[in-house]
N, C-alpha and C. Protein backbone atom coordinates (compact mmCIF):
# COMPACT_ATOMS: atom_id res chain seq x y z
N MET A 1 14.86 13.59 -0.16
CA MET A 1 15.24 12.06 0.62
C MET A 1 16.83 11.18 -0.18
N LYS A 2 17.60 11.07 0.24
CA LYS A 2 18.42 10.27 0.27
C LYS A 2 18.22 8.95 0.18
N LEU A 3 18.79 8.20 -0.99
CA LEU A 3 18.07 6.88 -1.45
C LEU A 3 19.70 6.09 -0.57
N ALA A 4 20.91 6.27 -0.28
CA ALA A 4 21.67 5.67 0.17
C ALA A 4 21.70 4.03 -0.35
N ASN A 5 22.18 3.58 -1.58
CA ASN A 5 22.43 2.55 -2.42
C ASN A 5 21.32 1.69 -2.04
N THR A 6 19.79 2.24 -1.96
CA THR A 6 18.76 1.61 -2.19
C THR A 6 17.95 1.47 -3.23
N HIS A 7 16.78 0.90 -4.04
CA HIS A 7 16.56 1.32 -5.14
C HIS A 7 15.35 2.25 -4.95
N PRO A 8 15.48 3.38 -5.30
CA PRO A 8 14.06 4.29 -5.04
C PRO A 8 12.92 3.60 -4.71
N ALA A 9 12.01 2.90 -5.48
CA ALA A 9 11.17 2.70 -5.26
C ALA A 9 11.03 1.62 -4.14
N VAL A 10 11.95 0.75 -3.85
CA VAL A 10 11.69 -0.10 -2.73
C VAL A 10 11.97 1.09 -1.28
N TYR A 11 13.06 2.24 -1.76
CA TYR A 11 13.18 2.70 -0.40
C TYR A 11 11.37 3.77 -0.18
N LEU A 12 10.85 3.95 -1.21
CA LEU A 12 9.61 4.69 -0.53
C LEU A 12 8.69 4.01 -0.58
N LEU A 13 8.42 2.01 -0.72
CA LEU A 13 7.59 1.44 0.06
C LEU A 13 7.99 1.29 1.37
N LYS A 14 9.36 1.30 1.71
CA LYS A 14 9.48 1.36 3.34
C LYS A 14 9.43 2.73 4.03
N LYS A 15 9.71 3.79 3.43
CA LYS A 15 9.35 4.86 3.94
C LYS A 15 7.63 5.27 4.22
N PHE A 16 6.97 4.47 2.93
CA PHE A 16 5.53 5.01 3.23
C PHE A 16 5.22 4.08 4.48
N CYS A 17 5.51 2.64 4.85
CA CYS A 17 5.47 1.96 6.24
C CYS A 17 5.25 2.38 7.22
N LEU A 18 6.82 3.14 6.96
CA LEU A 18 7.32 3.95 8.42
C LEU A 18 6.47 5.14 8.82
N PHE A 19 5.91 5.94 7.70
CA PHE A 19 5.18 6.97 7.98
C PHE A 19 3.78 6.82 8.52
N TYR A 20 3.18 5.71 7.65
CA TYR A 20 2.25 5.46 7.72
C TYR A 20 1.90 4.43 9.58
N ASN A 21 3.20 4.17 9.68
CA ASN A 21 2.68 3.59 11.25
C ASN A 21 2.95 4.76 12.42
N GLU A 22 4.15 5.40 12.10
CA GLU A 22 4.05 6.39 13.19
C GLU A 22 2.63 7.74 13.19
N ARG A 23 2.06 7.34 11.93
CA ARG A 23 0.99 8.28 11.72
C ARG A 23 1.45 9.56 11.19
N ASN A 24 2.47 10.01 10.55
CA ASN A 24 3.33 11.21 10.10
C ASN A 24 2.34 11.37 9.10
N LEU A 25 1.58 12.33 8.81
CA LEU A 25 0.41 12.35 7.42
C LEU A 25 1.22 13.55 7.05
N GLU A 26 1.79 14.36 7.49
CA GLU A 26 2.55 15.56 6.43
C GLU A 26 3.67 14.63 5.75
N ASN A 27 4.80 13.99 6.39
CA ASN A 27 5.93 13.00 5.60
C ASN A 27 5.14 12.41 4.73
N LEU A 28 4.02 11.77 5.31
CA LEU A 28 3.34 10.90 4.19
C LEU A 28 2.96 11.27 2.95
N LEU A 29 2.32 12.59 2.97
CA LEU A 29 1.91 13.00 1.89
C LEU A 29 2.78 13.62 0.66
N ASP A 30 4.42 13.74 1.48
CA ASP A 30 5.02 14.18 1.35
C ASP A 30 6.13 13.19 -0.09
N LEU A 31 5.52 11.83 0.07
CA LEU A 31 6.12 10.57 -0.42
C LEU A 31 5.23 10.69 -1.86
N PHE A 32 4.19 11.63 -2.13
CA PHE A 32 3.60 11.49 -2.96
C PHE A 32 4.08 12.47 -4.07
N THR A 33 3.76 12.44 -5.71
CA THR A 33 4.10 13.08 -6.42
C THR A 33 2.98 14.61 -6.60
N LYS A 34 3.60 15.73 -6.67
CA LYS A 34 2.88 16.96 -6.64
C LYS A 34 2.50 17.51 -7.92
N LYS A 35 3.42 17.20 -8.91
CA LYS A 35 3.43 17.69 -10.14
C LYS A 35 2.79 16.96 -11.14
N HIS A 36 2.78 15.23 -10.91
CA HIS A 36 1.65 14.43 -12.07
C HIS A 36 0.43 14.00 -11.25
N LYS A 37 -0.42 13.51 -11.85
CA LYS A 37 -1.98 12.95 -10.88
C LYS A 37 -1.31 11.61 -10.36
N PRO A 38 -1.58 11.83 -8.81
CA PRO A 38 -1.04 10.40 -8.49
C PRO A 38 -2.32 9.33 -8.51
N PHE A 39 -2.19 8.30 -8.39
CA PHE A 39 -3.34 7.35 -8.28
C PHE A 39 -2.65 5.97 -7.06
N MET A 40 -4.13 5.75 -6.69
CA MET A 40 -3.84 4.63 -5.61
C MET A 40 -5.21 4.18 -5.26
N TRP A 41 -4.76 2.69 -5.60
CA TRP A 41 -5.87 1.38 -5.18
C TRP A 41 -5.52 1.12 -3.56
N GLY A 42 -6.60 1.25 -2.77
CA GLY A 42 -6.57 0.26 -1.43
C GLY A 42 -7.43 -0.75 -1.68
N THR A 43 -7.26 -1.11 -0.56
CA THR A 43 -7.82 -2.52 -0.40
C THR A 43 -9.52 -2.78 -0.61
N GLY A 44 -10.28 -1.67 0.12
CA GLY A 44 -11.50 -1.57 -0.34
C GLY A 44 -12.17 -1.28 -1.71
N VAL A 45 -13.25 -1.52 -1.88
CA VAL A 45 -13.70 -1.44 -3.24
C VAL A 45 -13.98 -0.01 -3.62
N ASP A 46 -14.22 0.90 -2.56
CA ASP A 46 -14.24 2.50 -2.49
C ASP A 46 -13.66 2.79 -2.71
N GLU A 47 -12.06 2.12 -2.39
CA GLU A 47 -10.80 3.10 -2.29
C GLU A 47 -10.39 2.87 -3.61
N ARG A 48 -10.47 3.93 -4.76
CA ARG A 48 -10.10 4.64 -6.16
C ARG A 48 -9.62 5.86 -5.77
N LEU A 49 -8.58 6.21 -5.11
CA LEU A 49 -7.90 7.50 -5.11
C LEU A 49 -7.17 8.16 -6.26
N THR A 50 -7.82 9.46 -6.75
CA THR A 50 -7.28 9.77 -7.82
C THR A 50 -6.89 11.54 -8.00
N THR A 51 -6.26 11.77 -6.32
CA THR A 51 -5.80 13.24 -6.37
C THR A 51 -5.15 13.05 -4.81
N LEU A 52 -4.15 14.08 -4.56
CA LEU A 52 -3.37 14.23 -3.06
C LEU A 52 -4.77 14.17 -2.44
N ASP A 53 -5.58 14.92 -2.39
CA ASP A 53 -6.43 15.05 -1.11
C ASP A 53 -7.12 13.75 -1.20
N GLU A 54 -7.92 13.11 -1.68
CA GLU A 54 -8.55 11.93 -1.62
C GLU A 54 -7.52 10.87 -0.75
N ILE A 55 -6.17 10.87 -1.26
CA ILE A 55 -5.09 10.02 -0.51
C ILE A 55 -4.93 10.32 0.86
N LYS A 56 -5.11 12.20 1.36
CA LYS A 56 -5.09 12.33 2.47
C LYS A 56 -6.35 12.00 3.48
N ASN A 57 -7.38 12.03 2.69
CA ASN A 57 -8.68 11.55 3.26
C ASN A 57 -8.81 10.55 3.78
N GLN A 58 -8.40 9.48 2.69
CA GLN A 58 -8.38 7.91 3.10
C GLN A 58 -7.56 7.75 4.15
N ILE A 59 -6.33 7.89 4.28
CA ILE A 59 -5.36 7.69 5.17
C ILE A 59 -5.97 8.46 6.70
N LEU A 60 -6.82 9.59 6.83
CA LEU A 60 -7.11 9.74 8.10
C LEU A 60 -8.33 8.73 8.09
N ARG A 61 -8.91 8.33 7.13
CA ARG A 61 -10.19 7.64 7.59
C ARG A 61 -9.32 6.39 8.25
N ASP A 62 -8.57 5.97 7.47
CA ASP A 62 -7.76 4.25 8.22
C ASP A 62 -7.44 4.66 9.63
N TRP A 63 -6.69 5.66 10.14
CA TRP A 63 -6.49 6.04 10.89
C TRP A 63 -7.56 6.18 12.51
N SER A 64 -8.69 7.21 11.58
CA SER A 64 -9.72 7.25 12.80
C SER A 64 -10.55 5.91 12.55
N GLN A 65 -10.59 4.99 11.77
CA GLN A 65 -11.30 3.55 12.18
C GLN A 65 -10.43 2.65 13.00
N SER A 66 -9.03 3.00 13.43
CA SER A 66 -8.13 2.22 14.42
C SER A 66 -7.43 2.77 14.99
N ASP A 67 -7.37 2.14 16.09
CA ASP A 67 -6.43 2.66 17.32
C ASP A 67 -5.01 2.74 17.08
N ILE A 68 -4.52 1.36 16.41
CA ILE A 68 -3.25 1.15 15.92
C ILE A 68 -3.52 0.63 14.64
N SER A 69 -2.33 1.13 13.50
CA SER A 69 -1.99 0.31 12.47
C SER A 69 -0.73 0.20 12.09
N GLN A 70 -0.23 -0.95 11.61
CA GLN A 70 1.14 -0.98 11.59
C GLN A 70 1.68 -2.17 10.28
N ILE A 71 1.85 -1.41 9.57
CA ILE A 71 2.36 -2.06 8.14
C ILE A 71 3.82 -2.48 8.42
N GLU A 72 4.27 -4.06 8.52
CA GLU A 72 5.43 -4.17 7.95
C GLU A 72 6.07 -5.19 7.05
N PHE A 73 6.79 -4.68 6.23
CA PHE A 73 7.31 -5.70 4.87
C PHE A 73 8.00 -7.03 5.61
N THR A 74 7.93 -7.67 4.60
CA THR A 74 8.21 -9.15 4.92
C THR A 74 9.65 -9.23 4.45
N ALA A 75 10.77 -9.90 5.04
CA ALA A 75 12.35 -9.50 4.86
C ALA A 75 12.20 -10.49 3.41
N ASN A 76 12.86 -9.36 2.85
CA ASN A 76 13.37 -10.23 1.25
C ASN A 76 12.04 -10.24 -0.07
N SER A 77 11.02 -9.44 0.62
CA SER A 77 9.75 -9.66 -0.31
C SER A 77 9.96 -8.75 -1.21
N PHE A 78 11.06 -7.90 -1.66
CA PHE A 78 10.78 -7.05 -2.76
C PHE A 78 11.23 -7.34 -4.09
N ILE A 79 10.47 -7.04 -4.97
CA ILE A 79 10.86 -7.12 -6.17
C ILE A 79 10.84 -5.96 -6.74
N HIS A 80 11.66 -5.75 -7.63
CA HIS A 80 11.61 -4.13 -8.44
C HIS A 80 12.56 -4.17 -9.87
N SER A 81 12.03 -3.04 -10.44
CA SER A 81 12.60 -2.94 -11.80
C SER A 81 13.32 -1.40 -11.85
N ASP A 82 14.30 -1.15 -12.79
CA ASP A 82 14.78 0.18 -13.00
C ASP A 82 14.04 0.95 -13.42
N PHE A 83 13.31 0.12 -14.69
CA PHE A 83 12.57 0.73 -15.84
C PHE A 83 11.63 0.42 -16.62
N PRO A 84 10.39 0.77 -16.51
CA PRO A 84 9.90 1.76 -15.61
C PRO A 84 10.28 1.69 -13.93
N ASN A 85 10.36 2.45 -13.21
CA ASN A 85 10.99 2.32 -11.75
C ASN A 85 9.91 2.29 -11.00
N TRP A 86 9.66 0.67 -10.61
CA TRP A 86 8.53 0.34 -9.77
C TRP A 86 9.27 -0.90 -8.54
N ALA A 87 8.11 -0.92 -7.85
CA ALA A 87 8.65 -1.81 -6.81
C ALA A 87 7.68 -2.62 -6.33
N SER A 88 7.37 -3.81 -6.07
CA SER A 88 6.34 -4.55 -5.09
C SER A 88 6.68 -5.12 -3.74
N GLY A 89 6.10 -5.44 -3.11
CA GLY A 89 6.10 -6.53 -2.12
C GLY A 89 5.46 -6.94 -1.13
N THR A 90 5.51 -7.68 -0.31
CA THR A 90 4.42 -8.55 0.62
C THR A 90 4.96 -7.87 1.93
N PHE A 91 4.08 -7.45 2.82
CA PHE A 91 3.63 -7.24 3.90
C PHE A 91 3.03 -8.03 4.72
N SER A 92 2.85 -7.79 6.29
CA SER A 92 2.16 -8.09 7.44
C SER A 92 1.48 -6.73 7.78
N ALA A 93 -0.05 -6.48 7.88
CA ALA A 93 -0.44 -5.61 8.68
C ALA A 93 -1.00 -6.32 9.89
N THR A 94 -0.47 -5.28 10.93
CA THR A 94 -1.41 -5.45 12.37
C THR A 94 -2.72 -4.46 12.73
N ILE A 95 -3.69 -4.55 13.03
CA ILE A 95 -4.83 -3.30 13.09
C ILE A 95 -5.40 -3.50 14.72
N ILE A 96 -5.46 -2.66 15.32
CA ILE A 96 -6.19 -2.66 16.43
C ILE A 96 -7.18 -1.56 16.85
N ILE A 97 -8.33 -2.77 16.54
CA ILE A 97 -9.94 -1.36 16.34
C ILE A 97 -10.72 -1.90 17.81
N LYS A 98 -10.77 -1.09 18.72
CA LYS A 98 -11.45 -0.90 19.83
C LYS A 98 -10.94 -2.32 20.56
N GLY A 99 -9.80 -2.07 20.62
CA GLY A 99 -9.00 -3.01 21.71
C GLY A 99 -9.10 -4.54 20.79
N ASP A 100 -10.13 -4.86 20.01
CA ASP A 100 -9.68 -6.20 18.98
C ASP A 100 -8.11 -6.27 17.97
N VAL A 101 -7.26 -7.52 18.10
CA VAL A 101 -6.23 -7.02 17.29
C VAL A 101 -6.75 -7.78 16.19
N TYR A 102 -6.35 -7.45 14.74
CA TYR A 102 -6.71 -7.78 13.32
C TYR A 102 -5.07 -8.03 12.77
N ARG A 103 -5.12 -9.04 12.44
CA ARG A 103 -3.58 -9.84 11.77
C ARG A 103 -4.25 -10.02 10.43
N TYR A 104 -2.95 -9.15 9.47
CA TYR A 104 -3.41 -9.53 7.98
C TYR A 104 -1.98 -9.94 7.18
N PRO A 105 -1.53 -11.47 7.28
CA PRO A 105 0.06 -11.78 6.95
C PRO A 105 -0.07 -11.49 5.54
N HIS A 106 -0.90 -11.25 4.32
CA HIS A 106 -0.78 -11.34 3.17
C HIS A 106 -1.31 -10.16 2.43
N LEU A 107 -0.52 -9.24 2.73
CA LEU A 107 -1.38 -7.60 2.00
C LEU A 107 0.07 -7.30 0.85
N ARG A 108 0.10 -7.09 0.03
CA ARG A 108 0.55 -6.96 -1.05
C ARG A 108 0.70 -5.52 -1.68
N GLY A 109 1.59 -4.68 -2.02
CA GLY A 109 1.59 -3.71 -2.41
C GLY A 109 2.74 -2.95 -3.48
N SER A 110 2.48 -2.59 -4.66
CA SER A 110 3.29 -2.15 -5.11
C SER A 110 3.52 -0.26 -5.64
N ILE A 111 4.23 0.14 -5.92
CA ILE A 111 4.08 1.64 -6.49
C ILE A 111 5.17 1.40 -7.76
N TYR A 112 4.76 3.04 -8.20
CA TYR A 112 5.36 2.99 -9.73
C TYR A 112 5.85 4.58 -9.40
N ALA A 113 7.08 4.88 -9.45
CA ALA A 113 7.96 6.31 -8.70
C ALA A 113 8.48 7.00 -10.25
N ILE A 114 8.47 8.02 -9.88
CA ILE A 114 8.94 9.06 -11.11
C ILE A 114 9.98 10.17 -10.29
N LYS A 115 10.53 10.27 -11.16
CA LYS A 115 11.62 11.51 -10.42
C LYS A 115 11.06 12.84 -10.79
N GLU A 116 10.70 13.85 -9.75
CA GLU A 116 10.61 14.91 -9.31
C GLU A 116 11.28 16.01 -8.55
N ASP A 117 12.09 16.93 -9.67
CA ASP A 117 12.94 18.04 -8.77
C ASP A 117 13.88 17.23 -8.42
N ASP A 118 15.01 16.55 -8.74
CA ASP A 118 15.89 15.89 -8.22
C ASP A 118 15.33 14.80 -7.25
N ASP A 119 14.47 14.30 -7.14
CA ASP A 119 14.03 13.58 -6.05
C ASP A 119 12.91 12.60 -6.47
N TRP A 120 12.63 11.13 -5.84
CA TRP A 120 11.78 10.18 -6.11
C TRP A 120 10.51 10.44 -5.52
N LYS A 121 9.60 10.21 -6.04
CA LYS A 121 8.30 10.51 -5.90
C LYS A 121 7.36 9.43 -6.22
N ILE A 122 6.34 9.12 -5.38
CA ILE A 122 5.12 7.69 -6.03
C ILE A 122 4.24 8.02 -6.21
N CYS A 123 3.99 7.50 -7.78
CA CYS A 123 3.09 8.01 -8.82
C CYS A 123 1.66 7.60 -8.68
N HIS A 124 2.26 5.96 -8.77
CA HIS A 124 0.72 5.21 -8.68
C HIS A 124 1.33 4.43 -7.42
N MET A 125 -0.15 3.72 -6.60
CA MET A 125 -0.01 2.81 -5.29
C MET A 125 -0.78 1.99 -5.36
N HIS A 126 -0.36 0.55 -4.95
CA HIS A 126 -1.93 -0.29 -5.16
C HIS A 126 -1.73 -1.18 -3.47
N ALA A 127 -2.58 -1.19 -3.13
CA ALA A 127 -2.46 -2.48 -2.04
C ALA A 127 -3.57 -3.08 -1.91
N SER A 128 -3.31 -4.78 -1.83
CA SER A 128 -4.93 -5.41 -1.97
C SER A 128 -4.44 -7.14 -1.06
N PHE A 129 -5.55 -7.43 -0.79
CA PHE A 129 -5.37 -8.81 0.11
C PHE A 129 -5.60 -9.85 -0.73
N PRO A 130 -4.65 -11.12 -1.17
CA PRO A 130 -5.56 -12.32 -1.76
C PRO A 130 -6.67 -12.41 -0.91
N ALA A 131 -7.54 -12.99 -1.83
CA ALA A 131 -8.69 -13.62 -1.89
C ALA A 131 -8.94 -14.32 -1.02
N SER A 132 -9.95 -14.24 -0.13
CA SER A 132 -9.48 -15.49 1.22
C SER A 132 -10.71 -16.90 0.76
N THR A 133 -11.39 -16.40 -0.14
CA THR A 133 -11.93 -17.65 -0.63
C THR A 133 -11.81 -18.45 -1.90
N GLN A 134 -10.25 -18.06 -1.77
CA GLN A 134 -9.61 -18.88 -3.31
C GLN A 134 -8.98 -19.92 -2.45
N PRO A 135 -9.44 -20.89 -2.55
CA PRO A 135 -8.09 -22.25 -1.86
C PRO A 135 -6.82 -22.28 -2.90
N VAL A 136 -5.90 -22.65 -2.06
CA VAL A 136 -4.32 -22.78 -2.38
C VAL A 136 -4.87 -23.84 -3.65
N GLY A 137 -4.02 -23.69 -4.79
CA GLY A 137 -3.99 -24.36 -6.03
C GLY A 137 -5.00 -24.05 -6.86
N SER A 138 -6.10 -23.41 -6.58
CA SER A 138 -7.00 -23.13 -7.33
C SER A 138 -6.94 -21.74 -8.06
N SER A 139 -7.29 -21.69 -9.12
CA SER A 139 -7.21 -20.24 -10.11
C SER A 139 -8.60 -19.11 -9.58
N PHE A 140 -9.49 -19.31 -8.84
CA PHE A 140 -10.51 -18.40 -8.44
C PHE A 140 -10.77 -18.54 -7.41
N PRO A 141 -11.28 -17.77 -6.49
CA PRO A 141 -12.00 -17.33 -5.35
C PRO A 141 -13.43 -18.06 -5.54
N THR A 142 -13.53 -19.57 -4.88
CA THR A 142 -14.83 -20.25 -5.22
C THR A 142 -15.74 -20.22 -3.54
N GLU A 143 -14.50 -20.61 -2.96
CA GLU A 143 -15.02 -21.14 -1.59
C GLU A 143 -16.10 -20.26 -0.72
N ASN A 144 -17.29 -20.51 -0.21
CA ASN A 144 -18.06 -19.95 0.79
C ASN A 144 -18.50 -18.67 0.24
N LEU A 145 -18.83 -18.64 -1.71
CA LEU A 145 -18.98 -17.46 -2.67
C LEU A 145 -20.76 -17.93 -2.69
N GLU A 146 -21.27 -17.15 -2.71
CA GLU A 146 -22.79 -17.14 -3.23
C GLU A 146 -22.40 -17.13 -4.33
N TYR A 147 -23.65 -17.65 -5.29
CA TYR A 147 -23.17 -17.65 -6.74
C TYR A 147 -24.62 -18.11 -7.57
N ALA A 148 -24.93 -17.56 -8.34
CA ALA A 148 -25.92 -17.57 -9.43
C ALA A 148 -25.85 -18.58 -10.68
N LYS A 149 -26.55 -19.63 -10.59
CA LYS A 149 -26.60 -20.37 -11.98
C LYS A 149 -26.94 -19.52 -12.57
N ALA A 150 -26.12 -19.41 -14.55
CA ALA A 150 -26.21 -19.03 -15.61
C ALA A 150 -27.73 -19.45 -16.33
C-alpha cells in the first residue's frame, strides 16, 4: 500500500471507506493486522470484535442487512498523530434497507495503525454515533430516556 504523502492512518481510514462502499471484503480485510490481535468497536452494543474472523463476520452482517451502505468522510474532518500512529474523523453514512434510505450525518471513526512488514495496518478501529438523546449544550444523553429514580 503506497502512501503518496498521506498520513498512514488517514490513508487507512479512507481505504476502509472505499472498500466498505465497494463491498470488497478481500481488500477490506487486508487493511487489518495479521501478526497482532486486531480489535474493533462497532456502533452496536454487540459489536466488540477481537479477531479478524469476527471483523469479517460483522462486515458480512452489515452487508447482508442492507442493499447499499456508503460511508463518506467529511471534508477536512481528520485529525491525526504520528506517535502513536492514529487518526480519527467524522463521516456521513447512507444505508438503504429494503428501499428505505437512512442517513447518519455524524458517524465518528478512529483507528490505530501499526507497521507490519513495511506496510501500515489497522490494529484498532472504533465507530460510533453520538447519542441522539443528548441535547446540544448538555453533557449527558437524557432526552426521551426512561430512568429510574434512586
